[in-house]
Amino acid sequence: MVKKIVLLFTILVLASCSSSKPTIATTKKQAAVQRNRTVAAKKQTPVKPIGKNYPTTNNTTEVIQSTSKTVVTSSLISDYVLQYKDIAVGNMQKYGIPASIILAQGILESGAGRGDLAINANNHFGIKCHKDWLGESVRHDDDASQECFRKYKEASESYKDHALFLVGKNRYASLFTYEKDDYKAWAKGLRACGYATDPNYPDKLISYIERYNLHQYDCQVTGKTYKPFGNSVAGSNSDYNDPNLYEVQKGDTLYSISKKFNLLVDDLKQKNNLSDNTLSIGQKLKVK
């Protein structure tokens, strides 16, 4: 009798323990379903890498083919113009090269600052070393393999060297017989003088000038009235009411402007890629 009671108790305990265990898939079909659910939960949409050839804006994109192939957006090009327009205007005033041509060449040759040479060497105009170059250099494939290109510490040095390059080479002397603001003649003249081998080079420069209203900066120097193009990306007054910009007035200095906007002089120079303290009336400075 005692043995029967002990046996009955043992059976009840075993039944209780069995019911408390979690349910486990016992068939191959059930196990496969569980594995598939686990894999699906872990799978994620791949993230596209962000780099110089992957614009982060949703504007119209285009491919700029110069010393390297670069994908840019209209927004990136507009930002490039805003960043370097004052240097271009200053070079036009000092050297007589149209600001529109300077900016258009900068956009095309540097891929709006995103090309390999611009990133690795601050070279925005695709200028090769040539025999008279004594500065630093980099090697880059262009018309031939591993050609020598000039390297600069800052982009502003590239802009200055571009001006000196055109002024100092006899082959470009004919350019300076054109009117300062005749960007079409300059664009065609650059190709004729051998600056580029691309037969479409003049058309590309003119396209950038007219699409982004770069001729307005020529008019700032000449004092002529500017009429924007109807198919342009940015209007002629696109940056005049920008709260992030300040127009230099008579008597302004970098110091007085920095105090007005609670900035350090060095920060102000860095924001605007200024290599010295020279300012011109009407010049636009980024202050925010």
C-alpha atoms as a PDB file:
ATOM      1  CA  MET A   1       0.000   0.000   0.000  1.00  0.00           C
ATOM      2  CA  VAL A   2       2.806   2.368   0.903  1.00  0.00           C
ATOM      3  CA  LYS A   3       4.583   1.519  -2.313  1.00  0.00           C
ATOM      4  CA  LYS A   4       1.471   2.429  -4.355  1.00  0.00           C
ATOM      5  CA  ILE A   5       1.164   5.789  -2.568  1.00  0.00           C
ATOM      6  CA  VAL A   6       4.868   6.608  -3.214  1.00  0.00           C
ATOM      7  CA  LEU A   7       4.523   5.609  -6.885  1.00  0.00           C
ATOM      8  CA  LEU A   8       1.405   7.763  -7.320  1.00  0.00           C
ATOM      9  CA  PHE A   9       3.148  10.766  -5.706  1.00  0.00           C
ATOM     10  CA  THR A  10       6.182  10.343  -7.977  1.00  0.00           C
ATOM     11  CA  ILE A  11       3.991  10.322 -11.099  1.00  0.00           C
ATOM     12  CA  LEU A  12       2.195  13.514 -10.014  1.00  0.00           C
ATOM     13  CA  VAL A  13       5.544  15.339  -9.404  1.00  0.00           C
ATOM     14  CA  LEU A  14       6.914  14.335 -12.818  1.00  0.00           C
ATOM     15  CA  ALA A  15       3.740  15.502 -14.568  1.00  0.00           C
ATOM     16  CA  SER A  16       3.916  18.865 -12.792  1.00  0.00           C
ATOM     17  CA  CYS A  17       7.563  19.450 -13.846  1.00  0.00           C
ATOM     18  CA  SER A  18       6.829  18.539 -17.464  1.00  0.00           C
ATOM     19  CA  SER A  19       3.993  21.071 -17.755  1.00  0.00           C
ATOM     20  CA  SER A  20       6.213  23.973 -16.512  1.00  0.00           C
ATOM     21  CA  LYS A  21       8.821  23.614 -19.323  1.00  0.00           C
ATOM     22  CA  PRO A  22       8.607  25.986 -22.351  1.00  0.00           C
ATOM     23  CA  THR A  23       7.233  24.662 -25.598  1.00  0.00           C
ATOM     24  CA  ILE A  24      10.004  23.647 -28.044  1.00  0.00           C
ATOM     25  CA  ALA A  25       9.609  23.109 -31.775  1.00  0.00           C
ATOM     26  CA  THR A  26       9.927  19.364 -32.298  1.00  0.00           C
ATOM     27  CA  THR A  27       9.482  19.107 -36.045  1.00  0.00           C
ATOM     28  CA  LYS A  28      11.895  20.153 -38.791  1.00  0.00           C
ATOM     29  CA  LYS A  29       9.215  22.379 -40.327  1.00  0.00           C
ATOM     30  CA  GLN A  30       8.665  24.291 -37.073  1.00  0.00           C
ATOM     31  CA  ALA A  31      12.409  24.720 -36.518  1.00  0.00           C
ATOM     32  CA  ALA A  32      12.878  26.109 -40.043  1.00  0.00           C
ATOM     33  CA  VAL A  33      10.113  28.674 -39.508  1.00  0.00           C
ATOM     34  CA  GLN A  34      11.732  29.854 -36.286  1.00  0.00           C
ATOM     35  CA  ARG A  35      15.170  30.196 -37.967  1.00  0.00           C
ATOM     36  CA  ASN A  36      13.709  32.212 -40.856  1.00  0.00           C
ATOM     37  CA  ARG A  37      11.993  34.600 -38.450  1.00  0.00           C
ATOM     38  CA  THR A  38      15.266  35.158 -36.582  1.00  0.00           C
ATOM     39  CA  VAL A  39      17.177  35.947 -39.805  1.00  0.00           C
ATOM     40  CA  ALA A  40      14.451  38.321 -41.032  1.00  0.00           C
ATOM     41  CA  ALA A  41      14.550  40.243 -37.773  1.00  0.00           C
ATOM     42  CA  LYS A  42      18.310  40.812 -38.035  1.00  0.00           C
ATOM     43  CA  LYS A  43      18.351  41.817 -41.716  1.00  0.00           C
ATOM     44  CA  GLN A  44      18.666  45.609 -42.237  1.00  0.00           C
ATOM     45  CA  THR A  45      18.614  47.888 -45.259  1.00  0.00           C
ATOM     46  CA  PRO A  46      22.208  48.654 -46.289  1.00  0.00           C
ATOM     47  CA  VAL A  47      23.291  52.264 -45.748  1.00  0.00           C
ATOM     48  CA  LYS A  48      24.779  54.001 -48.773  1.00  0.00           C
ATOM     49  CA  PRO A  49      28.218  55.446 -47.938  1.00  0.00           C
ATOM     50  CA  ILE A  50      28.500  59.217 -47.897  1.00  0.00           C
ATOM     51  CA  GLY A  51      31.556  60.523 -49.712  1.00  0.00           C
ATOM     52  CA  LYS A  52      32.678  63.004 -52.317  1.00  0.00           C
ATOM     53  CA  ASN A  53      30.688  61.176 -55.023  1.00  0.00           C
ATOM     54  CA  TYR A  54      27.500  60.759 -52.964  1.00  0.00           C
ATOM     55  CA  PRO A  55      25.807  64.176 -52.576  1.00  0.00           C
ATOM     56  CA  THR A  56      23.632  64.450 -49.496  1.00  0.00           C
ATOM     57  CA  THR A  57      21.131  66.880 -51.005  1.00  0.00           C
ATOM     58  CA  ASN A  58      18.139  66.007 -53.182  1.00  0.00           C
ATOM     59  CA  ASN A  59      18.866  68.614 -55.844  1.00  0.00           C
ATOM     60  CA  THR A  60      19.522  67.967 -59.508  1.00  0.00           C
ATOM     61  CA  THR A  61      22.739  66.010 -59.915  1.00  0.00           C
ATOM     62  CA  GLU A  62      25.314  66.148 -62.675  1.00  0.00           C
ATOM     63  CA  VAL A  63      28.672  64.588 -63.440  1.00  0.00           C
ATOM     64  CA  ILE A  64      31.669  66.901 -63.764  1.00  0.00           C
ATOM     65  CA  GLN A  65      34.442  65.277 -65.781  1.00  0.00           C
ATOM     66  CA  SER A  66      37.788  67.061 -65.560  1.00  0.00           C
ATOM     67  CA  THR A  67      40.906  65.652 -63.934  1.00  0.00           C
ATOM     68  CA  SER A  68      38.538  63.294 -62.096  1.00  0.00           C
ATOM     69  CA  LYS A  69      34.915  62.232 -62.397  1.00  0.00           C
ATOM     70  CA  THR A  70      32.783  63.844 -59.709  1.00  0.00           C
ATOM     71  CA  VAL A  71      29.046  63.744 -59.021  1.00  0.00           C
ATOM     72  CA  VAL A  72      27.659  67.005 -57.592  1.00  0.00           C
ATOM     73  CA  THR A  73      24.325  68.728 -57.035  1.00  0.00           C
ATOM     74  CA  SER A  74      23.210  72.223 -57.946  1.00  0.00           C
ATOM     75  CA  SER A  75      23.213  73.036 -54.234  1.00  0.00           C
ATOM     76  CA  LEU A  76      26.865  72.033 -53.888  1.00  0.00           C
ATOM     77  CA  ILE A  77      27.802  74.202 -56.858  1.00  0.00           C
ATOM     78  CA  SER A  78      25.904  77.171 -55.397  1.00  0.00           C
ATOM     79  CA  ASP A  79      27.697  76.676 -52.088  1.00  0.00           C
ATOM     80  CA  TYR A  80      31.015  76.572 -53.912  1.00  0.00           C
ATOM     81  CA  VAL A  81      30.248  79.883 -55.639  1.00  0.00           C
ATOM     82  CA  LEU A  82      29.254  81.458 -52.323  1.00  0.00           C
ATOM     83  CA  GLN A  83      32.497  80.284 -50.738  1.00  0.00           C
ATOM     84  CA  TYR A  84      34.893  81.580 -53.404  1.00  0.00           C
ATOM     85  CA  LYS A  85      33.119  84.473 -55.133  1.00  0.00           C
ATOM     86  CA  ASP A  86      34.891  87.157 -53.101  1.00  0.00           C
ATOM     87  CA  ILE A  87      38.303  85.750 -53.990  1.00  0.00           C
ATOM     88  CA  ALA A  88      37.263  85.699 -57.632  1.00  0.00           C
ATOM     89  CA  VAL A  89      36.081  89.314 -57.482  1.00  0.00           C
ATOM     90  CA  GLY A  90      39.341  90.339 -55.809  1.00  0.00           C
ATOM     91  CA  ASN A  91      41.378  88.593 -58.507  1.00  0.00           C
ATOM     92  CA  MET A  92      39.345  90.303 -61.216  1.00  0.00           C
ATOM     93  CA  GLN A  93      40.069  93.687 -59.644  1.00  0.00           C
ATOM     94  CA  LYS A  94      43.775  92.945 -59.298  1.00  0.00           C
ATOM     95  CA  TYR A  95      44.579  90.888 -62.405  1.00  0.00           C
ATOM     96  CA  GLY A  96      41.805  91.673 -64.903  1.00  0.00           C
ATOM     97  CA  ILE A  97      40.461  88.129 -65.224  1.00  0.00           C
ATOM     98  CA  PRO A  98      36.630  87.947 -65.239  1.00  0.00           C
ATOM     99  CA  ALA A  99      35.323  86.679 -61.896  1.00  0.00           C
ATOM    100  CA  SER A 100      32.767  84.622 -63.792  1.00  0.00           C
ATOM    101  CA  ILE A 101      35.511  82.800 -65.698  1.00  0.00           C
ATOM    102  CA  ILE A 102      37.487  82.191 -62.500  1.00  0.00           C
ATOM    103  CA  LEU A 103      34.477  80.664 -60.749  1.00  0.00           C
ATOM    104  CA  ALA A 104      33.372  78.632 -63.769  1.00  0.00           C
ATOM    105  CA  GLN A 105      36.868  77.197 -64.168  1.00  0.00           C
ATOM    106  CA  GLY A 106      36.977  76.460 -60.443  1.00  0.00           C
ATOM    107  CA  ILE A 107      33.665  74.577 -60.638  1.00  0.00           C
ATOM    108  CA  LEU A 108      34.688  72.596 -63.701  1.00  0.00           C
ATOM    109  CA  GLU A 109      38.324  71.856 -62.862  1.00  0.00           C
ATOM    110  CA  SER A 110      37.741  71.003 -59.178  1.00  0.00           C
ATOM    111  CA  GLY A 111      34.344  69.323 -59.436  1.00  0.00           C
ATOM    112  CA  ALA A 112      32.964  72.145 -57.255  1.00  0.00           C
ATOM    113  CA  GLY A 113      35.680  71.402 -54.708  1.00  0.00           C
ATOM    114  CA  ARG A 114      34.867  67.665 -54.578  1.00  0.00           C
ATOM    115  CA  GLY A 115      37.382  66.362 -57.128  1.00  0.00           C
ATOM    116  CA  ASP A 116      40.475  64.383 -56.224  1.00  0.00           C
ATOM    117  CA  LEU A 117      42.962  67.193 -56.874  1.00  0.00           C
ATOM    118  CA  ALA A 118      40.915  69.709 -54.893  1.00  0.00           C
ATOM    119  CA  ILE A 119      40.685  67.361 -51.913  1.00  0.00           C
ATOM    120  CA  ASN A 120      44.233  65.987 -51.990  1.00  0.00           C
ATOM    121  CA  ALA A 121      46.161  69.043 -53.184  1.00  0.00           C
ATOM    122  CA  ASN A 122      43.851  72.108 -52.874  1.00  0.00           C
ATOM    123  CA  ASN A 123      44.334  72.416 -56.638  1.00  0.00           C
ATOM    124  CA  HIS A 124      41.104  73.925 -57.986  1.00  0.00           C
ATOM    125  CA  PHE A 125      42.252  74.662 -61.538  1.00  0.00           C
ATOM    126  CA  GLY A 126      44.023  71.508 -62.665  1.00  0.00           C
ATOM    127  CA  ILE A 127      47.328  73.340 -63.078  1.00  0.00           C
ATOM    128  CA  LYS A 128      50.210  70.975 -63.755  1.00  0.00           C
ATOM    129  CA  CYS A 129      53.704  71.451 -62.378  1.00  0.00           C
ATOM    130  CA  HIS A 130      55.540  72.697 -65.501  1.00  0.00           C
ATOM    131  CA  LYS A 131      59.265  73.442 -65.367  1.00  0.00           C
ATOM    132  CA  ASP A 132      59.007  76.652 -63.324  1.00  0.00           C
ATOM    133  CA  TRP A 133      57.101  75.109 -60.377  1.00  0.00           C
ATOM    134  CA  LEU A 134      59.202  74.849 -57.195  1.00  0.00           C
ATOM    135  CA  GLY A 135      56.431  74.029 -54.714  1.00  0.00           C
ATOM    136  CA  GLU A 136      54.926  70.745 -53.567  1.00  0.00           C
ATOM    137  CA  SER A 137      53.291  68.404 -56.039  1.00  0.00           C
ATOM    138  CA  VAL A 138      51.142  65.279 -56.357  1.00  0.00           C
ATOM    139  CA  ARG A 139      50.868  62.608 -59.018  1.00  0.00           C
ATOM    140  CA  HIS A 140      47.541  62.088 -60.769  1.00  0.00           C
ATOM    141  CA  ASP A 141      46.318  60.392 -63.940  1.00  0.00           C
ATOM    142  CA  ASP A 142      45.118  62.864 -66.573  1.00  0.00           C
ATOM    143  CA  ASP A 143      46.074  63.012 -70.255  1.00  0.00           C
ATOM    144  CA  ALA A 144      48.890  60.619 -69.295  1.00  0.00           C
ATOM    145  CA  SER A 145      49.503  58.341 -66.334  1.00  0.00           C
ATOM    146  CA  GLN A 146      50.754  59.855 -63.064  1.00  0.00           C
ATOM    147  CA  GLU A 147      51.277  63.426 -64.268  1.00  0.00           C
ATOM    148  CA  CYS A 148      52.676  66.076 -61.937  1.00  0.00           C
ATOM    149  CA  PHE A 149      50.161  68.579 -60.514  1.00  0.00           C
ATOM    150  CA  ARG A 150      50.754  71.521 -58.200  1.00  0.00           C
ATOM    151  CA  LYS A 151      49.843  71.179 -54.534  1.00  0.00           C
ATOM    152  CA  TYR A 152      48.820  74.088 -52.276  1.00  0.00           C
ATOM    153  CA  LYS A 153      48.384  74.512 -48.546  1.00  0.00           C
ATOM    154  CA  GLU A 154      45.046  76.303 -49.000  1.00  0.00           C
ATOM    155  CA  ALA A 155      42.498  76.678 -51.784  1.00  0.00           C
ATOM    156  CA  SER A 156      43.040  80.454 -51.774  1.00  0.00           C
ATOM    157  CA  GLU A 157      46.649  79.846 -52.860  1.00  0.00           C
ATOM    158  CA  SER A 158      45.343  77.899 -55.828  1.00  0.00           C
ATOM    159  CA  TYR A 159      43.136  80.843 -56.819  1.00  0.00           C
ATOM    160  CA  LYS A 160      46.078  83.241 -56.612  1.00  0.00           C
ATOM    161  CA  ASP A 161      48.365  80.921 -58.572  1.00  0.00           C
ATOM    162  CA  HIS A 162      45.697  80.526 -61.260  1.00  0.00           C
ATOM    163  CA  ALA A 163      45.696  84.298 -61.768  1.00  0.00           C
ATOM    164  CA  LEU A 164      49.494  84.500 -61.812  1.00  0.00           C
ATOM    165  CA  PHE A 165      49.611  81.548 -64.200  1.00  0.00           C
ATOM    166  CA  LEU A 166      47.403  83.310 -66.761  1.00  0.00           C
ATOM    167  CA  VAL A 167      49.095  86.669 -66.328  1.00  0.00           C
ATOM    168  CA  GLY A 168      52.623  85.271 -66.452  1.00  0.00           C
ATOM    169  CA  LYS A 169      52.375  82.974 -69.491  1.00  0.00           C
ATOM    170  CA  ASN A 170      52.837  84.525 -72.942  1.00  0.00           C
ATOM    171  CA  ARG A 171      50.491  81.971 -74.453  1.00  0.00           C
ATOM    172  CA  TYR A 172      47.567  83.620 -72.599  1.00  0.00           C
ATOM    173  CA  ALA A 173      48.469  87.224 -73.476  1.00  0.00           C
ATOM    174  CA  SER A 174      45.695  87.466 -76.072  1.00  0.00           C
ATOM    175  CA  LEU A 175      43.069  86.905 -73.347  1.00  0.00           C
ATOM    176  CA  PHE A 176      43.826  90.280 -71.825  1.00  0.00           C
ATOM    177  CA  THR A 177      42.929  92.060 -75.060  1.00  0.00           C
ATOM    178  CA  TYR A 178      39.277  91.113 -74.489  1.00  0.00           C
ATOM    179  CA  GLU A 179      36.851  93.168 -72.453  1.00  0.00           C
ATOM    180  CA  LYS A 180      37.022  92.293 -68.751  1.00  0.00           C
ATOM    181  CA  ASP A 181      33.403  91.176 -68.674  1.00  0.00           C
ATOM    182  CA  ASP A 182      33.293  89.382 -72.045  1.00  0.00           C
ATOM    183  CA  TYR A 183      33.100  85.920 -70.547  1.00  0.00           C
ATOM    184  CA  LYS A 184      32.220  84.253 -73.856  1.00  0.00           C
ATOM    185  CA  ALA A 185      35.387  85.546 -75.506  1.00  0.00           C
ATOM    186  CA  TRP A 186      37.438  84.481 -72.488  1.00  0.00           C
ATOM    187  CA  ALA A 187      35.902  81.008 -72.453  1.00  0.00           C
ATOM    188  CA  LYS A 188      36.688  80.466 -76.131  1.00  0.00           C
ATOM    189  CA  GLY A 189      40.100  82.099 -75.760  1.00  0.00           C
ATOM    190  CA  LEU A 190      41.161  79.760 -72.951  1.00  0.00           C
ATOM    191  CA  ARG A 191      40.509  76.765 -75.181  1.00  0.00           C
ATOM    192  CA  ALA A 192      42.265  78.385 -78.147  1.00  0.00           C
ATOM    193  CA  CYS A 193      45.315  79.184 -76.012  1.00  0.00           C
ATOM    194  CA  GLY A 194      45.605  75.571 -74.921  1.00  0.00           C
ATOM    195  CA  TYR A 195      44.363  75.681 -71.326  1.00  0.00           C
ATOM    196  CA  ALA A 196      42.260  72.575 -71.979  1.00  0.00           C
ATOM    197  CA  THR A 197      42.123  69.933 -74.706  1.00  0.00           C
ATOM    198  CA  ASP A 198      38.367  69.343 -74.392  1.00  0.00           C
ATOM    199  CA  PRO A 199      36.682  70.871 -77.494  1.00  0.00           C
ATOM    200  CA  ASN A 200      33.563  71.519 -75.393  1.00  0.00           C
ATOM    201  CA  TYR A 201      35.485  73.418 -72.717  1.00  0.00           C
ATOM    202  CA  PRO A 202      34.157  76.894 -73.707  1.00  0.00           C
ATOM    203  CA  ASP A 203      30.547  75.684 -73.794  1.00  0.00           C
ATOM    204  CA  LYS A 204      30.908  74.115 -70.347  1.00  0.00           C
ATOM    205  CA  LEU A 205      32.272  77.341 -68.845  1.00  0.00           C
ATOM    206  CA  ILE A 206      29.553  79.442 -70.466  1.00  0.00           C
ATOM    207  CA  SER A 207      26.912  77.007 -69.229  1.00  0.00           C
ATOM    208  CA  TYR A 208      28.038  77.353 -65.612  1.00  0.00           C
ATOM    209  CA  ILE A 209      28.254  81.131 -65.914  1.00  0.00           C
ATOM    210  CA  GLU A 210      24.724  81.449 -67.243  1.00  0.00           C
ATOM    211  CA  ARG A 211      23.094  78.752 -65.096  1.00  0.00           C
ATOM    212  CA  TYR A 212      24.538  80.131 -61.852  1.00  0.00           C
ATOM    213  CA  ASN A 213      24.502  83.818 -62.780  1.00  0.00           C
ATOM    214  CA  LEU A 214      28.251  84.179 -62.318  1.00  0.00           C
ATOM    215  CA  HIS A 215      28.352  87.208 -64.604  1.00  0.00           C
ATOM    216  CA  GLN A 216      26.835  89.249 -61.774  1.00  0.00           C
ATOM    217  CA  TYR A 217      30.271  89.272 -60.106  1.00  0.00           C
ATOM    218  CA  ASP A 218      31.834  90.762 -63.239  1.00  0.00           C
ATOM    219  CA  CYS A 219      29.240  93.512 -63.048  1.00  0.00           C
ATOM    220  CA  GLN A 220      30.134  94.194 -59.419  1.00  0.00           C
ATOM    221  CA  VAL A 221      33.614  95.138 -60.630  1.00  0.00           C
ATOM    222  CA  THR A 222      32.669  96.961 -63.834  1.00  0.00           C
ATOM    223  CA  GLY A 223      29.669  98.736 -62.306  1.00  0.00           C
ATOM    224  CA  LYS A 224      27.400  97.617 -65.120  1.00  0.00           C
ATOM    225  CA  THR A 225      23.783  96.564 -64.535  1.00  0.00           C
ATOM    226  CA  TYR A 226      23.360  92.829 -64.385  1.00  0.00           C
ATOM    227  CA  LYS A 227      20.427  91.033 -65.979  1.00  0.00           C
ATOM    228  CA  PRO A 228      19.980  87.450 -64.739  1.00  0.00           C
ATOM    229  CA  PHE A 229      19.285  84.605 -67.135  1.00  0.00           C
ATOM    230  CA  GLY A 230      15.784  83.134 -67.072  1.00  0.00           C
ATOM    231  CA  ASN A 231      17.014  79.540 -66.781  1.00  0.00           C
ATOM    232  CA  SER A 232      19.512  80.246 -64.038  1.00  0.00           C
ATOM    233  CA  VAL A 233      19.749  78.241 -60.827  1.00  0.00           C
ATOM    234  CA  ALA A 234      20.409  81.239 -58.596  1.00  0.00           C
ATOM    235  CA  GLY A 235      19.041  84.744 -59.108  1.00  0.00           C
ATOM    236  CA  SER A 236      21.301  87.785 -59.237  1.00  0.00           C
ATOM    237  CA  ASN A 237      20.212  88.808 -55.771  1.00  0.00           C
ATOM    238  CA  SER A 238      20.357  85.305 -54.334  1.00  0.00           C
ATOM    239  CA  ASP A 239      22.748  86.204 -51.542  1.00  0.00           C
ATOM    240  CA  TYR A 240      22.094  89.910 -50.986  1.00  0.00           C
ATOM    241  CA  ASN A 241      19.412  89.345 -48.351  1.00  0.00           C
ATOM    242  CA  ASP A 242      21.091  86.371 -46.741  1.00  0.00           C
ATOM    243  CA  PRO A 243      21.225  86.985 -42.957  1.00  0.00           C
ATOM    244  CA  ASN A 244      24.424  84.947 -42.819  1.00  0.00           C
ATOM    245  CA  LEU A 245      26.240  87.496 -44.982  1.00  0.00           C
ATOM    246  CA  TYR A 246      27.507  90.995 -44.279  1.00  0.00           C
ATOM    247  CA  GLU A 247      28.314  93.564 -46.961  1.00  0.00           C
ATOM    248  CA  VAL A 248      31.520  95.466 -46.299  1.00  0.00           C
ATOM    249  CA  GLN A 249      30.958  99.200 -45.856  1.00  0.00           C
ATOM    250  CA  LYS A 250      33.366 102.106 -46.133  1.00  0.00           C
ATOM    251  CA  GLY A 251      35.626 102.200 -43.068  1.00  0.00           C
ATOM    252  CA  ASP A 252      35.051  98.543 -42.142  1.00  0.00           C
ATOM    253  CA  THR A 253      37.945  96.377 -41.060  1.00  0.00           C
ATOM    254  CA  LEU A 254      38.109  92.709 -40.205  1.00  0.00           C
ATOM    255  CA  TYR A 255      38.487  93.712 -36.578  1.00  0.00           C
ATOM    256  CA  SER A 256      35.409  95.975 -36.532  1.00  0.00           C
ATOM    257  CA  ILE A 257      33.313  93.366 -38.328  1.00  0.00           C
ATOM    258  CA  SER A 258      34.478  90.607 -35.993  1.00  0.00           C
ATOM    259  CA  LYS A 259      33.445  92.696 -32.985  1.00  0.00           C
ATOM    260  CA  LYS A 260      30.068  93.469 -34.540  1.00  0.00           C
ATOM    261  CA  PHE A 261      29.277  89.779 -34.917  1.00  0.00           C
ATOM    262  CA  ASN A 262      31.140  88.534 -31.845  1.00  0.00           C
ATOM    263  CA  LEU A 263      33.762  86.624 -33.831  1.00  0.00           C
ATOM    264  CA  LEU A 264      37.510  86.264 -33.717  1.00  0.00           C
ATOM    265  CA  VAL A 265      39.354  87.815 -36.652  1.00  0.00           C
ATOM    266  CA  ASP A 266      40.962  84.445 -37.439  1.00  0.00           C
ATOM    267  CA  ASP A 267      37.543  82.768 -37.454  1.00  0.00           C
ATOM    268  CA  LEU A 268      36.184  85.421 -39.812  1.00  0.00           C
ATOM    269  CA  LYS A 269      39.135  84.931 -42.171  1.00  0.00           C
ATOM    270  CA  GLN A 270      38.728  81.175 -42.084  1.00  0.00           C
ATOM    271  CA  LYS A 271      34.993  81.342 -42.824  1.00  0.00           C
ATOM    272  CA  ASN A 272      35.716  83.423 -45.923  1.00  0.00           C
ATOM    273  CA  ASN A 273      38.998  81.838 -47.057  1.00  0.00           C
ATOM    274  CA  LEU A 274      40.846  85.138 -46.688  1.00  0.00           C
ATOM    275  CA  SER A 275      44.630  84.955 -46.922  1.00  0.00           C
ATOM    276  CA  ASP A 276      45.164  88.564 -45.765  1.00  0.00           C
ATOM    277  CA  ASN A 277      43.267  91.448 -44.155  1.00  0.00           C
ATOM    278  CA  THR A 278      42.342  93.212 -47.397  1.00  0.00           C
ATOM    279  CA  LEU A 279      38.656  94.081 -47.831  1.00  0.00           C
ATOM    280  CA  SER A 280      36.739  95.842 -50.581  1.00  0.00           C
ATOM    281  CA  ILE A 281      33.553  97.874 -50.302  1.00  0.00           C
ATOM    282  CA  GLY A 282      30.563  95.741 -51.311  1.00  0.00           C
ATOM    283  CA  GLN A 283      32.364  92.494 -50.538  1.00  0.00           C
ATOM    284  CA  LYS A 284      30.133  89.854 -48.919  1.00  0.00           C
ATOM    285  CA  LEU A 285      31.465  88.087 -45.834  1.00  0.00           C
ATOM    286  CA  LYS A 286      30.044  85.035 -44.133  1.00  0.00           C
ATOM    287  CA  VAL A 287      29.506  85.967 -40.504  1.00  0.00           C
ATOM    288  CA  LYS A 288      27.361  83.059 -39.245  1.00  0.00           C
END
